[in-house]
Amino acid sequence: MSTKQSDLSTFGRAQTEGMFNLQKELLETYEQASRTWLDRDKSEVGLWSRLGAKLTATRSVPEAMEAYQKCVTERMQMAVEDGKRLFDECQNITQKITGSLNGGRWPTASR
């Protein structure tokens, strides 16, 4: 095998390994995000379940309105946190991809 073929083979292996590593990192990131969002969904189910329990225990309309208002306020805070989390996750994924494309893990052919 000539030196040129050897360099090309080495370059190909390095490119494949770099792509494999990027895919592995992205998969781990996606799995973590999925677990986080699943936990988040469970907390929202809990929020609405607690509201249902509070409403069945109320004895007046003002008391029911107060329980509902607290629940909606908490849900709005959750929405703010959801937006921040989504932005952070997208930014993390974008950084991994752009880092790999900007020479972070992708070797260049030597001349």
C-alpha atoms as a PDB file:
ATOM      1  CA  MET A   1       0.000   0.000   0.000  1.00  0.00           C
ATOM      2  CA  SER A   2       1.365   3.408  -0.933  1.00  0.00           C
ATOM      3  CA  THR A   3       1.836   6.281   1.474  1.00  0.00           C
ATOM      4  CA  LYS A   4      -1.015   8.178  -0.195  1.00  0.00           C
ATOM      5  CA  GLN A   5      -3.385   5.233   0.267  1.00  0.00           C
ATOM      6  CA  SER A   6      -2.270   4.855   3.865  1.00  0.00           C
ATOM      7  CA  ASP A   7      -2.916   8.545   4.549  1.00  0.00           C
ATOM      8  CA  LEU A   8      -6.340   8.274   2.933  1.00  0.00           C
ATOM      9  CA  SER A   9      -7.147   5.161   4.964  1.00  0.00           C
ATOM     10  CA  THR A  10      -6.044   6.849   8.184  1.00  0.00           C
ATOM     11  CA  PHE A  11      -8.086   9.929   7.307  1.00  0.00           C
ATOM     12  CA  GLY A  12     -11.162   7.783   6.586  1.00  0.00           C
ATOM     13  CA  ARG A  13     -10.840   5.921   9.866  1.00  0.00           C
ATOM     14  CA  ALA A  14     -10.416   9.165  11.791  1.00  0.00           C
ATOM     15  CA  GLN A  15     -13.475  10.673  10.075  1.00  0.00           C
ATOM     16  CA  THR A  16     -15.554   7.597  10.859  1.00  0.00           C
ATOM     17  CA  GLU A  17     -14.409   7.580  14.471  1.00  0.00           C
ATOM     18  CA  GLY A  18     -15.160  11.299  14.817  1.00  0.00           C
ATOM     19  CA  MET A  19     -18.669  10.823  13.443  1.00  0.00           C
ATOM     20  CA  PHE A  20     -19.248   7.825  15.695  1.00  0.00           C
ATOM     21  CA  ASN A  21     -18.172   9.827  18.760  1.00  0.00           C
ATOM     22  CA  LEU A  22     -20.437  12.723  17.803  1.00  0.00           C
ATOM     23  CA  GLN A  23     -23.404  10.384  17.353  1.00  0.00           C
ATOM     24  CA  LYS A  24     -22.670   8.756  20.709  1.00  0.00           C
ATOM     25  CA  GLU A  25     -22.530  12.149  22.464  1.00  0.00           C
ATOM     26  CA  LEU A  26     -25.751  13.285  20.804  1.00  0.00           C
ATOM     27  CA  LEU A  27     -27.539  10.061  21.736  1.00  0.00           C
ATOM     28  CA  GLU A  28     -26.470  10.474  25.370  1.00  0.00           C
ATOM     29  CA  THR A  29     -27.671  14.084  25.297  1.00  0.00           C
ATOM     30  CA  TYR A  30     -31.029  13.059  23.814  1.00  0.00           C
ATOM     31  CA  GLU A  31     -31.470  10.293  26.384  1.00  0.00           C
ATOM     32  CA  GLN A  32     -30.775  12.684  29.260  1.00  0.00           C
ATOM     33  CA  ALA A  33     -33.216  15.213  27.811  1.00  0.00           C
ATOM     34  CA  SER A  34     -35.869  12.501  27.471  1.00  0.00           C
ATOM     35  CA  ARG A  35     -35.464  11.492  31.118  1.00  0.00           C
ATOM     36  CA  THR A  36     -35.669  15.132  32.202  1.00  0.00           C
ATOM     37  CA  TRP A  37     -38.829  15.777  30.177  1.00  0.00           C
ATOM     38  CA  LEU A  38     -40.438  12.582  31.458  1.00  0.00           C
ATOM     39  CA  ASP A  39     -39.801  13.710  35.038  1.00  0.00           C
ATOM     40  CA  ARG A  40     -41.235  17.102  34.105  1.00  0.00           C
ATOM     41  CA  ASP A  41     -44.396  15.484  32.720  1.00  0.00           C
ATOM     42  CA  LYS A  42     -44.805  13.499  35.933  1.00  0.00           C
ATOM     43  CA  SER A  43     -44.536  16.675  37.982  1.00  0.00           C
ATOM     44  CA  GLU A  44     -47.264  18.320  35.900  1.00  0.00           C
ATOM     45  CA  VAL A  45     -49.560  15.337  36.383  1.00  0.00           C
ATOM     46  CA  GLY A  46     -48.918  15.683  40.114  1.00  0.00           C
ATOM     47  CA  LEU A  47     -49.705  19.393  39.972  1.00  0.00           C
ATOM     48  CA  TRP A  48     -53.119  18.862  38.375  1.00  0.00           C
ATOM     49  CA  SER A  49     -53.886  15.896  40.644  1.00  0.00           C
ATOM     50  CA  ARG A  50     -53.198  18.034  43.708  1.00  0.00           C
ATOM     51  CA  LEU A  51     -55.498  20.707  42.296  1.00  0.00           C
ATOM     52  CA  GLY A  52     -58.261  18.131  41.864  1.00  0.00           C
ATOM     53  CA  ALA A  53     -57.846  17.008  45.459  1.00  0.00           C
ATOM     54  CA  LYS A  54     -57.870  20.601  46.733  1.00  0.00           C
ATOM     55  CA  LEU A  55     -60.969  21.469  44.729  1.00  0.00           C
ATOM     56  CA  THR A  56     -62.900  18.498  46.078  1.00  0.00           C
ATOM     57  CA  ALA A  57     -61.979  19.581  49.624  1.00  0.00           C
ATOM     58  CA  THR A  58     -62.987  23.247  49.184  1.00  0.00           C
ATOM     59  CA  ARG A  59     -66.098  24.596  50.831  1.00  0.00           C
ATOM     60  CA  SER A  60     -66.503  27.892  48.996  1.00  0.00           C
ATOM     61  CA  VAL A  61     -65.996  29.497  45.603  1.00  0.00           C
ATOM     62  CA  PRO A  62     -63.290  31.904  46.856  1.00  0.00           C
ATOM     63  CA  GLU A  63     -61.399  28.966  48.351  1.00  0.00           C
ATOM     64  CA  ALA A  64     -61.658  27.070  45.040  1.00  0.00           C
ATOM     65  CA  MET A  65     -60.533  30.146  43.082  1.00  0.00           C
ATOM     66  CA  GLU A  66     -57.524  30.555  45.368  1.00  0.00           C
ATOM     67  CA  ALA A  67     -56.517  26.897  44.853  1.00  0.00           C
ATOM     68  CA  TYR A  68     -56.925  27.271  41.102  1.00  0.00           C
ATOM     69  CA  GLN A  69     -54.952  30.534  41.050  1.00  0.00           C
ATOM     70  CA  LYS A  70     -52.053  28.939  42.951  1.00  0.00           C
ATOM     71  CA  CYS A  71     -52.051  25.989  40.585  1.00  0.00           C
ATOM     72  CA  VAL A  72     -52.049  28.184  37.482  1.00  0.00           C
ATOM     73  CA  THR A  73     -49.252  30.327  38.934  1.00  0.00           C
ATOM     74  CA  GLU A  74     -47.172  27.214  39.557  1.00  0.00           C
ATOM     75  CA  ARG A  75     -47.929  25.943  36.035  1.00  0.00           C
ATOM     76  CA  MET A  76     -46.822  29.254  34.540  1.00  0.00           C
ATOM     77  CA  GLN A  77     -43.539  29.016  36.470  1.00  0.00           C
ATOM     78  CA  MET A  78     -43.106  25.507  35.106  1.00  0.00           C
ATOM     79  CA  ALA A  79     -43.628  26.861  31.580  1.00  0.00           C
ATOM     80  CA  VAL A  80     -40.875  29.443  32.136  1.00  0.00           C
ATOM     81  CA  GLU A  81     -38.544  26.698  33.351  1.00  0.00           C
ATOM     82  CA  ASP A  82     -39.534  24.537  30.369  1.00  0.00           C
ATOM     83  CA  GLY A  83     -38.555  27.316  27.980  1.00  0.00           C
ATOM     84  CA  LYS A  84     -35.184  27.774  29.661  1.00  0.00           C
ATOM     85  CA  ARG A  85     -34.533  24.031  29.667  1.00  0.00           C
ATOM     86  CA  LEU A  86     -35.480  23.687  25.997  1.00  0.00           C
ATOM     87  CA  PHE A  87     -33.227  26.594  25.047  1.00  0.00           C
ATOM     88  CA  ASP A  88     -30.303  25.135  27.026  1.00  0.00           C
ATOM     89  CA  GLU A  89     -30.765  21.690  25.501  1.00  0.00           C
ATOM     90  CA  CYS A  90     -30.920  23.065  21.960  1.00  0.00           C
ATOM     91  CA  GLN A  91     -27.865  25.209  22.599  1.00  0.00           C
ATOM     92  CA  ASN A  92     -25.959  22.204  23.982  1.00  0.00           C
ATOM     93  CA  ILE A  93     -26.792  20.064  20.945  1.00  0.00           C
ATOM     94  CA  THR A  94     -25.940  22.874  18.538  1.00  0.00           C
ATOM     95  CA  GLN A  95     -22.581  23.403  20.243  1.00  0.00           C
ATOM     96  CA  LYS A  96     -21.746  19.701  19.979  1.00  0.00           C
ATOM     97  CA  ILE A  97     -22.568  19.653  16.269  1.00  0.00           C
ATOM     98  CA  THR A  98     -20.851  22.914  15.366  1.00  0.00           C
ATOM     99  CA  GLY A  99     -17.839  21.993  17.490  1.00  0.00           C
ATOM    100  CA  SER A 100     -17.435  18.798  15.521  1.00  0.00           C
ATOM    101  CA  LEU A 101     -17.787  20.620  12.204  1.00  0.00           C
ATOM    102  CA  ASN A 102     -15.336  23.355  13.177  1.00  0.00           C
ATOM    103  CA  GLY A 103     -12.451  20.986  13.637  1.00  0.00           C
ATOM    104  CA  GLY A 104     -13.235  19.888  17.143  1.00  0.00           C
ATOM    105  CA  ARG A 105     -13.309  16.187  16.260  1.00  0.00           C
ATOM    106  CA  TRP A 106     -13.081  15.977  12.490  1.00  0.00           C
ATOM    107  CA  PRO A 107      -9.494  15.572  11.323  1.00  0.00           C
ATOM    108  CA  THR A 108      -8.453  17.184   8.073  1.00  0.00           C
ATOM    109  CA  ALA A 109      -6.486  15.502   5.324  1.00  0.00           C
ATOM    110  CA  SER A 110      -2.778  16.162   5.417  1.00  0.00           C
ATOM    111  CA  ARG A 111      -1.106  17.160   2.168  1.00  0.00           C
END
